[in-house]
């Protein structure tokens, strides 16, 4: 991680150490799981329509099957609008899971190139807009040029179906100058990590500065199949919100023998949360597992964060593999019950 106050290399377990000690991997339970699930999911009434599996009727060629309807309460993932405000400037709106928002904001800013060190974040505050008063206070205090008092009621009516969080960050003056130089308005969508980027040089940057070539030789060790299968087993057991909703991704890593897992409706948000955690905790990840396909923005974020290995449960894209090979990022996908496929650094 690019920070002068990083943990010394000798204090971190190498990839080889973690592979040999895969049986000591444990889940980090330092955070309140029940509280996180309350923020990440909400119960809804649903009506399930289905056909009964009646083998005798199917064997007799009777196609007049009866459809059944079952009313049930189901947990659905919350997809919140997260407004990122930096030094009073509206910088971006992300659609994300409203949990670990400090990590999300820090990781997002690092991935955007707006911060390089943890200490550049001077202060932060998260506000959940829950009623007319909180929304009105936010709208009037913000520098939103589109806000008009006469349209307030109409705006409130429009936004009342949404979960809205405001993350206000105070960054150093040097960061403020970077923000002004590349300010943009970003209306994010759940599945897209590049929404709002208009310049090709921003979307497809030169990452030579973040080259993996200088990574310590111990970190170049290819993670073994046994280690990766053990890691996936731990992730499957710890991904509580996905078990409830079936609608969130996770980014996970092992650090000091513990599994750290970050869930979000957006795979790129989950990785940003992990990157933000690294910066705030002065930690380093030797291997990161994503419960998704490996697309180009995940590869770019990993290269910037000096993550040696990025593993996916699904396939990478061709572009992701080409960029990973060019910059020395280890990439593997299709991590399943008994296999994994390596695409680079093997």
Protein backbone atom coordinates (compact mmCIF):
# COMPACT_ATOMS: atom_id res chain seq x y z
CA UNK A 1 0.00 0.00 0.00
CA UNK A 2 1.29 3.47 -0.83
CA UNK A 3 1.74 4.97 2.62
CA UNK A 4 4.87 5.90 4.50
CA UNK A 5 3.48 4.47 7.74
CA UNK A 6 2.76 0.98 6.41
CA UNK A 7 3.43 -2.08 8.54
CA UNK A 8 6.92 -3.45 8.03
CA UNK A 9 7.16 -6.43 5.65
CA UNK A 10 8.64 -8.64 8.37
CA UNK A 11 5.47 -8.25 10.44
CA UNK A 12 3.21 -9.65 7.72
CA UNK A 13 2.64 -13.32 6.93
CA UNK A 14 3.96 -14.18 3.48
CA UNK A 15 1.79 -15.95 0.91
CA UNK A 16 3.83 -19.10 1.49
CA UNK A 17 3.25 -18.92 5.26
CA UNK A 18 -0.49 -18.52 4.79
CA UNK A 19 -0.65 -21.41 2.33
CA UNK A 20 1.14 -23.73 4.71
CA UNK A 21 -1.03 -22.55 7.60
CA UNK A 22 -4.39 -22.52 5.85
CA UNK A 23 -5.98 -24.51 8.67
CA UNK A 24 -5.47 -21.58 11.07
CA UNK A 25 -7.56 -19.17 9.02
CA UNK A 26 -10.37 -17.76 11.15
CA UNK A 27 -13.18 -15.34 10.52
CA UNK A 28 -12.86 -11.84 11.97
CA UNK A 29 -15.82 -11.38 14.31
CA UNK A 30 -14.79 -8.01 15.72
CA UNK A 31 -17.76 -6.23 14.13
CA UNK A 32 -21.40 -6.73 14.99
CA UNK A 33 -22.71 -9.05 12.30
CA UNK A 34 -26.35 -8.61 13.27
CA UNK A 35 -26.06 -4.82 13.07
CA UNK A 36 -24.45 -4.98 9.63
CA UNK A 37 -27.21 -7.23 8.30
CA UNK A 38 -29.84 -4.76 9.53
CA UNK A 39 -28.16 -2.06 7.43
CA UNK A 40 -27.58 -4.25 4.40
CA UNK A 41 -30.97 -5.98 4.07
CA UNK A 42 -34.65 -5.26 4.53
CA UNK A 43 -37.66 -7.60 4.72
CA UNK A 44 -40.31 -7.52 2.00
CA UNK A 45 -43.49 -9.48 1.33
CA UNK A 46 -43.20 -11.59 -1.81
CA UNK A 47 -45.37 -14.12 -3.65
CA UNK A 48 -43.66 -17.20 -5.02
CA UNK A 49 -45.29 -18.89 -8.03
CA UNK A 50 -44.16 -22.46 -8.75
CA UNK A 51 -45.11 -25.87 -10.08
CA UNK A 52 -45.02 -28.96 -7.88
CA UNK A 53 -42.47 -31.56 -8.93
CA UNK A 54 -44.87 -34.45 -9.51
CA UNK A 55 -42.90 -37.16 -11.28
CA UNK A 56 -45.94 -39.42 -11.79
CA UNK A 57 -47.87 -36.68 -13.59
CA UNK A 58 -44.85 -35.86 -15.76
CA UNK A 59 -44.33 -39.53 -16.62
CA UNK A 60 -47.99 -39.86 -17.61
CA UNK A 61 -47.66 -36.97 -20.05
CA UNK A 62 -50.09 -34.74 -18.15
CA UNK A 63 -49.11 -31.15 -18.96
CA UNK A 64 -51.99 -29.55 -17.07
CA UNK A 65 -49.88 -28.84 -14.00
CA UNK A 66 -51.30 -26.60 -11.31
CA UNK A 67 -49.36 -23.50 -10.34
CA UNK A 68 -49.05 -22.85 -6.62
CA UNK A 69 -48.69 -19.46 -4.93
CA UNK A 70 -46.85 -19.08 -1.65
CA UNK A 71 -46.73 -15.81 0.27
CA UNK A 72 -43.49 -15.29 2.16
CA UNK A 73 -41.29 -12.68 3.80
CA UNK A 74 -37.92 -12.35 2.11
CA UNK A 75 -34.78 -10.36 2.84
CA UNK A 76 -33.60 -8.09 0.03
CA UNK A 77 -30.33 -6.19 -0.22
CA UNK A 78 -30.51 -2.43 0.35
CA UNK A 79 -29.10 -0.33 -2.48
CA UNK A 80 -28.45 3.14 -1.13
CA UNK A 81 -27.41 6.38 -2.78
CA UNK A 82 -24.15 7.46 -1.13
CA UNK A 83 -23.22 11.07 -1.77
CA UNK A 84 -19.48 11.72 -1.47
CA UNK A 85 -18.72 15.33 -0.50
CA UNK A 86 -15.07 16.37 -0.34
CA UNK A 87 -14.17 19.68 1.32
CA UNK A 88 -17.69 20.91 0.60
CA UNK A 89 -17.60 19.84 -3.06
CA UNK A 90 -20.12 17.29 -4.36
CA UNK A 91 -17.82 14.80 -6.04
CA UNK A 92 -19.78 11.59 -6.66
CA UNK A 93 -22.92 9.60 -5.97
CA UNK A 94 -22.38 5.87 -5.56
CA UNK A 95 -25.06 3.18 -5.41
CA UNK A 96 -23.80 0.95 -2.63
CA UNK A 97 -24.61 -1.06 0.49
CA UNK A 98 -24.84 1.42 3.42
CA UNK A 99 -22.26 -0.21 5.67
CA UNK A 100 -18.55 0.49 6.23
CA UNK A 101 -19.00 3.76 4.34
CA UNK A 102 -15.78 5.27 5.69
CA UNK A 103 -13.82 2.43 4.12
CA UNK A 104 -15.84 2.77 0.90
CA UNK A 105 -15.14 6.50 0.66
CA UNK A 106 -11.42 6.18 1.41
CA UNK A 107 -10.97 3.27 -0.99
CA UNK A 108 -12.92 5.05 -3.70
CA UNK A 109 -10.81 8.21 -3.35
CA UNK A 110 -7.61 6.18 -3.45
CA UNK A 111 -8.80 4.36 -6.58
CA UNK A 112 -9.63 7.74 -8.11
CA UNK A 113 -6.11 8.96 -7.41
CA UNK A 114 -7.30 11.74 -5.09
CA UNK A 115 -5.45 10.45 -2.02
CA UNK A 116 -2.24 8.47 -1.69
CA UNK A 117 -1.86 8.21 2.08
CA UNK A 118 -4.23 7.51 4.94
CA UNK A 119 -3.20 10.66 6.84
CA UNK A 120 -4.54 12.85 3.99
CA UNK A 121 -8.04 12.18 5.35
CA UNK A 122 -8.35 14.74 8.15
CA UNK A 123 -11.97 14.16 9.20
CA UNK A 124 -15.14 12.42 8.07
CA UNK A 125 -18.83 12.21 8.95
CA UNK A 126 -21.64 9.96 7.73
CA UNK A 127 -25.25 11.20 7.79
CA UNK A 128 -28.32 9.13 7.01
CA UNK A 129 -31.10 11.29 5.56
CA UNK A 130 -34.21 9.89 7.19
CA UNK A 131 -36.80 12.67 7.30
CA UNK A 132 -37.77 16.08 5.94
CA UNK A 133 -35.61 17.98 8.42
CA UNK A 134 -32.41 16.05 7.65
CA UNK A 135 -32.94 16.29 3.90
CA UNK A 136 -33.75 19.99 4.05
CA UNK A 137 -30.70 20.70 6.21
CA UNK A 138 -28.49 18.84 3.77
CA UNK A 139 -29.97 20.51 0.69
CA UNK A 140 -29.69 24.03 2.07
CA UNK A 141 -26.18 23.56 3.46
CA UNK A 142 -24.86 21.99 0.27
CA UNK A 143 -23.55 23.77 -2.75
CA UNK A 144 -26.13 22.16 -4.99
CA UNK A 145 -26.78 24.68 -7.74
CA UNK A 146 -30.00 22.88 -8.68
CA UNK A 147 -31.60 23.29 -5.26
CA UNK A 148 -34.58 25.63 -5.20
CA UNK A 149 -36.82 26.02 -2.14
CA UNK A 150 -39.92 26.02 -4.36
CA UNK A 151 -39.10 22.54 -5.64
CA UNK A 152 -38.27 21.09 -2.23
CA UNK A 153 -41.56 19.22 -1.74
CA UNK A 154 -41.36 17.74 -5.21
CA UNK A 155 -37.77 16.63 -4.63
CA UNK A 156 -38.68 15.07 -1.30
CA UNK A 157 -41.52 13.13 -2.91
CA UNK A 158 -39.14 11.90 -5.59
CA UNK A 159 -36.48 10.77 -3.14
CA UNK A 160 -38.56 9.24 -0.38
CA UNK A 161 -38.32 5.73 -1.86
CA UNK A 162 -34.53 5.85 -1.71
CA UNK A 163 -32.04 5.22 1.06
CA UNK A 164 -29.71 8.23 1.07
CA UNK A 165 -26.43 8.62 2.94
CA UNK A 166 -24.05 11.58 2.87
CA UNK A 167 -20.35 11.03 3.49
CA UNK A 168 -18.57 14.32 4.15
CA UNK A 169 -14.78 14.13 3.98
CA UNK A 170 -12.18 16.71 4.90
CA UNK A 171 -8.94 16.19 2.98
CA UNK A 172 -5.63 18.04 3.02
CA UNK A 173 -5.08 21.12 0.88
CA UNK A 174 -2.94 19.17 -1.57
CA UNK A 175 -5.79 16.70 -2.10
CA UNK A 176 -8.20 19.59 -2.52
CA UNK A 177 -6.13 20.82 -5.45
CA UNK A 178 -6.31 17.37 -7.03
CA UNK A 179 -10.09 17.39 -6.65
CA UNK A 180 -10.43 20.73 -8.37
CA UNK A 181 -8.19 19.52 -11.19
CA UNK A 182 -10.27 16.45 -11.99
CA UNK A 183 -13.68 17.21 -10.49
CA UNK A 184 -16.57 15.38 -12.05
CA UNK A 185 -20.12 14.47 -11.21
CA UNK A 186 -20.52 10.71 -11.00
CA UNK A 187 -23.96 9.06 -11.02
CA UNK A 188 -23.03 5.48 -10.26
CA UNK A 189 -24.94 2.34 -11.10
CA UNK A 190 -24.71 -0.86 -9.13
CA UNK A 191 -22.83 -2.94 -11.67
CA UNK A 192 -20.50 -0.33 -13.13
CA UNK A 193 -17.24 0.95 -11.75
CA UNK A 194 -16.57 3.52 -14.49
CA UNK A 195 -19.88 5.38 -14.73
CA UNK A 196 -19.50 9.07 -15.43
CA UNK A 197 -15.94 8.95 -16.72
CA UNK A 198 -15.84 10.85 -19.98
CA UNK A 199 -12.12 10.90 -20.79
CA UNK A 200 -10.44 7.78 -22.14
CA UNK A 201 -7.26 8.66 -20.28
CA UNK A 202 -9.22 8.54 -17.01
CA UNK A 203 -10.96 5.26 -17.87
CA UNK A 204 -7.82 3.63 -19.27
CA UNK A 205 -4.93 5.14 -17.28
CA UNK A 206 -1.21 4.44 -17.44
CA UNK A 207 -0.49 2.43 -14.30
CA UNK A 208 3.29 2.20 -14.73
CA UNK A 209 3.77 4.12 -11.48
CA UNK A 210 2.03 1.28 -9.65
CA UNK A 211 3.99 -1.53 -11.34
CA UNK A 212 4.12 -4.81 -9.43
CA UNK A 213 7.73 -5.45 -10.54
CA UNK A 214 9.20 -4.18 -7.24
CA UNK A 215 7.09 -6.39 -5.00
CA UNK A 216 9.11 -8.53 -2.59
CA UNK A 217 9.96 -11.95 -4.03
CA UNK A 218 8.04 -13.74 -1.26
CA UNK A 219 4.84 -12.11 -2.47
CA UNK A 220 5.38 -13.50 -5.99
CA UNK A 221 4.57 -17.00 -4.71
CA UNK A 222 1.63 -18.48 -6.56
CA UNK A 223 -1.16 -19.27 -4.05
CA UNK A 224 -1.82 -23.00 -4.13
CA UNK A 225 -5.11 -24.66 -4.98
CA UNK A 226 -5.45 -25.95 -1.40
CA UNK A 227 -4.98 -22.46 0.03
CA UNK A 228 -7.51 -20.91 -2.35
CA UNK A 229 -10.10 -23.62 -1.73
CA UNK A 230 -9.69 -23.11 2.04
CA UNK A 231 -10.09 -19.36 1.51
CA UNK A 232 -13.26 -19.82 -0.52
CA UNK A 233 -14.70 -22.12 2.16
CA UNK A 234 -14.14 -19.43 4.79
CA UNK A 235 -15.70 -16.75 2.56
CA UNK A 236 -18.77 -18.89 1.84
CA UNK A 237 -19.31 -19.38 5.57
CA UNK A 238 -18.79 -15.71 6.46
CA UNK A 239 -20.84 -14.04 3.71
CA UNK A 240 -23.96 -13.63 5.85
CA UNK A 241 -25.70 -10.94 3.80
CA UNK A 242 -25.37 -12.93 0.60
CA UNK A 243 -26.86 -15.92 2.40
CA UNK A 244 -29.83 -13.72 3.35
CA UNK A 245 -30.35 -11.91 0.05
CA UNK A 246 -28.41 -13.61 -2.73
CA UNK A 247 -27.63 -10.14 -4.09
CA UNK A 248 -24.28 -8.91 -2.75
CA UNK A 249 -20.66 -9.46 -3.70
CA UNK A 250 -17.71 -9.69 -1.37
CA UNK A 251 -14.01 -8.86 -1.36
CA UNK A 252 -12.01 -10.84 1.17
CA UNK A 253 -8.43 -11.28 2.32
CA UNK A 254 -6.49 -13.00 5.07
CA UNK A 255 -4.39 -10.81 7.33
CA UNK A 256 -2.58 -12.04 10.45
CA UNK A 257 -4.47 -15.33 10.29
CA UNK A 258 -7.93 -13.75 10.14
CA UNK A 259 -10.42 -13.41 7.33
CA UNK A 260 -11.55 -9.83 6.60
CA UNK A 261 -14.62 -9.69 4.38
CA UNK A 262 -16.42 -6.67 2.88
CA UNK A 263 -19.86 -7.03 1.28
CA UNK A 264 -21.64 -4.70 -1.13
CA UNK A 265 -24.22 -4.75 -3.90
CA UNK A 266 -21.43 -3.58 -6.23
CA UNK A 267 -18.33 -5.71 -6.67
CA UNK A 268 -16.17 -2.63 -7.22
CA UNK A 269 -17.58 -1.08 -4.02
CA UNK A 270 -16.67 -4.23 -2.07
CA UNK A 271 -13.08 -3.96 -3.30
CA UNK A 272 -12.97 -0.23 -2.50
CA UNK A 273 -14.06 -1.06 1.07
CA UNK A 274 -11.22 -3.54 1.38
CA UNK A 275 -8.75 -0.99 -0.04
CA UNK A 276 -10.06 1.64 2.37
CA UNK A 277 -9.64 -0.80 5.25
CA UNK A 278 -6.02 -1.38 4.18
CA UNK A 279 -5.29 2.33 4.23
CA UNK A 280 -7.00 3.02 7.55
CA UNK A 281 -5.56 -0.04 9.30
CA UNK A 282 -2.11 0.19 7.68
CA UNK A 283 -2.47 -3.41 6.50
CA UNK A 284 -1.45 -5.22 3.33
CA UNK A 285 -3.20 -8.01 1.45
CA UNK A 286 -1.21 -10.71 -0.33
CA UNK A 287 -4.25 -12.23 -2.00
CA UNK A 288 -7.79 -10.88 -2.49
CA UNK A 289 -10.78 -13.05 -3.39
CA UNK A 290 -13.75 -11.54 -5.25
CA UNK A 291 -17.07 -13.38 -5.41
CA UNK A 292 -17.60 -12.16 -8.97
CA UNK A 293 -16.13 -11.99 -12.43
CA UNK A 294 -12.87 -10.07 -12.71
CA UNK A 295 -13.48 -7.01 -14.85
CA UNK A 296 -11.04 -4.28 -15.79
CA UNK A 297 -11.88 -1.84 -12.99
CA UNK A 298 -11.13 -4.50 -10.35
CA UNK A 299 -7.76 -5.14 -11.97
CA UNK A 300 -6.97 -1.41 -12.07
CA UNK A 301 -7.88 -0.96 -8.40
CA UNK A 302 -5.73 -3.95 -7.43
CA UNK A 303 -2.72 -2.68 -9.36
CA UNK A 304 -3.01 0.76 -7.76
CA UNK A 305 -3.23 -0.84 -4.32
CA UNK A 306 -0.23 -3.14 -4.91
CA UNK A 307 -2.34 -6.27 -4.35
CA UNK A 308 -0.15 -9.14 -5.64
CA UNK A 309 -2.95 -11.63 -6.41
CA UNK A 310 -6.61 -11.11 -7.39
CA UNK A 311 -8.79 -14.21 -7.44
CA UNK A 312 -12.35 -14.48 -8.77
CA UNK A 313 -15.06 -17.07 -8.34
CA UNK A 314 -16.05 -16.40 -11.96
CA UNK A 315 -14.04 -15.66 -15.10
CA UNK A 316 -11.90 -12.63 -15.89
CA UNK A 317 -12.39 -10.64 -19.06
CA UNK A 318 -9.78 -10.72 -21.82
CA UNK A 319 -8.93 -7.07 -21.18
CA UNK A 320 -8.49 -7.74 -17.48
CA UNK A 321 -5.98 -10.53 -18.22
CA UNK A 322 -4.01 -8.41 -20.71
CA UNK A 323 -3.71 -5.50 -18.28
CA UNK A 324 -2.84 -7.82 -15.37
CA UNK A 325 -0.06 -9.42 -17.44
CA UNK A 326 1.28 -6.02 -18.49
CA UNK A 327 1.54 -4.69 -14.93
CA UNK A 328 2.48 -7.91 -13.15
CA UNK A 329 -0.74 -8.60 -11.26
CA UNK A 330 -1.42 -12.25 -10.46
CA UNK A 331 -4.88 -13.20 -11.73
CA UNK A 332 -6.91 -16.39 -11.29
CA UNK A 333 -10.59 -17.23 -11.77
CA UNK A 334 -13.19 -19.99 -11.73
CA UNK A 335 -12.42 -20.83 -8.11
CA UNK A 336 -14.86 -23.67 -7.56
CA UNK A 337 -15.22 -26.78 -5.39
CA UNK A 338 -12.12 -28.52 -6.72
CA UNK A 339 -10.35 -26.22 -9.18
CA UNK A 340 -8.97 -22.83 -10.05
CA UNK A 341 -7.59 -21.39 -13.33
CA UNK A 342 -4.49 -19.16 -13.32
CA UNK A 343 -4.17 -16.55 -16.06
CA UNK A 344 -1.02 -14.57 -15.22
CA UNK A 345 2.22 -14.75 -13.22
CA UNK A 346 2.45 -18.56 -13.53
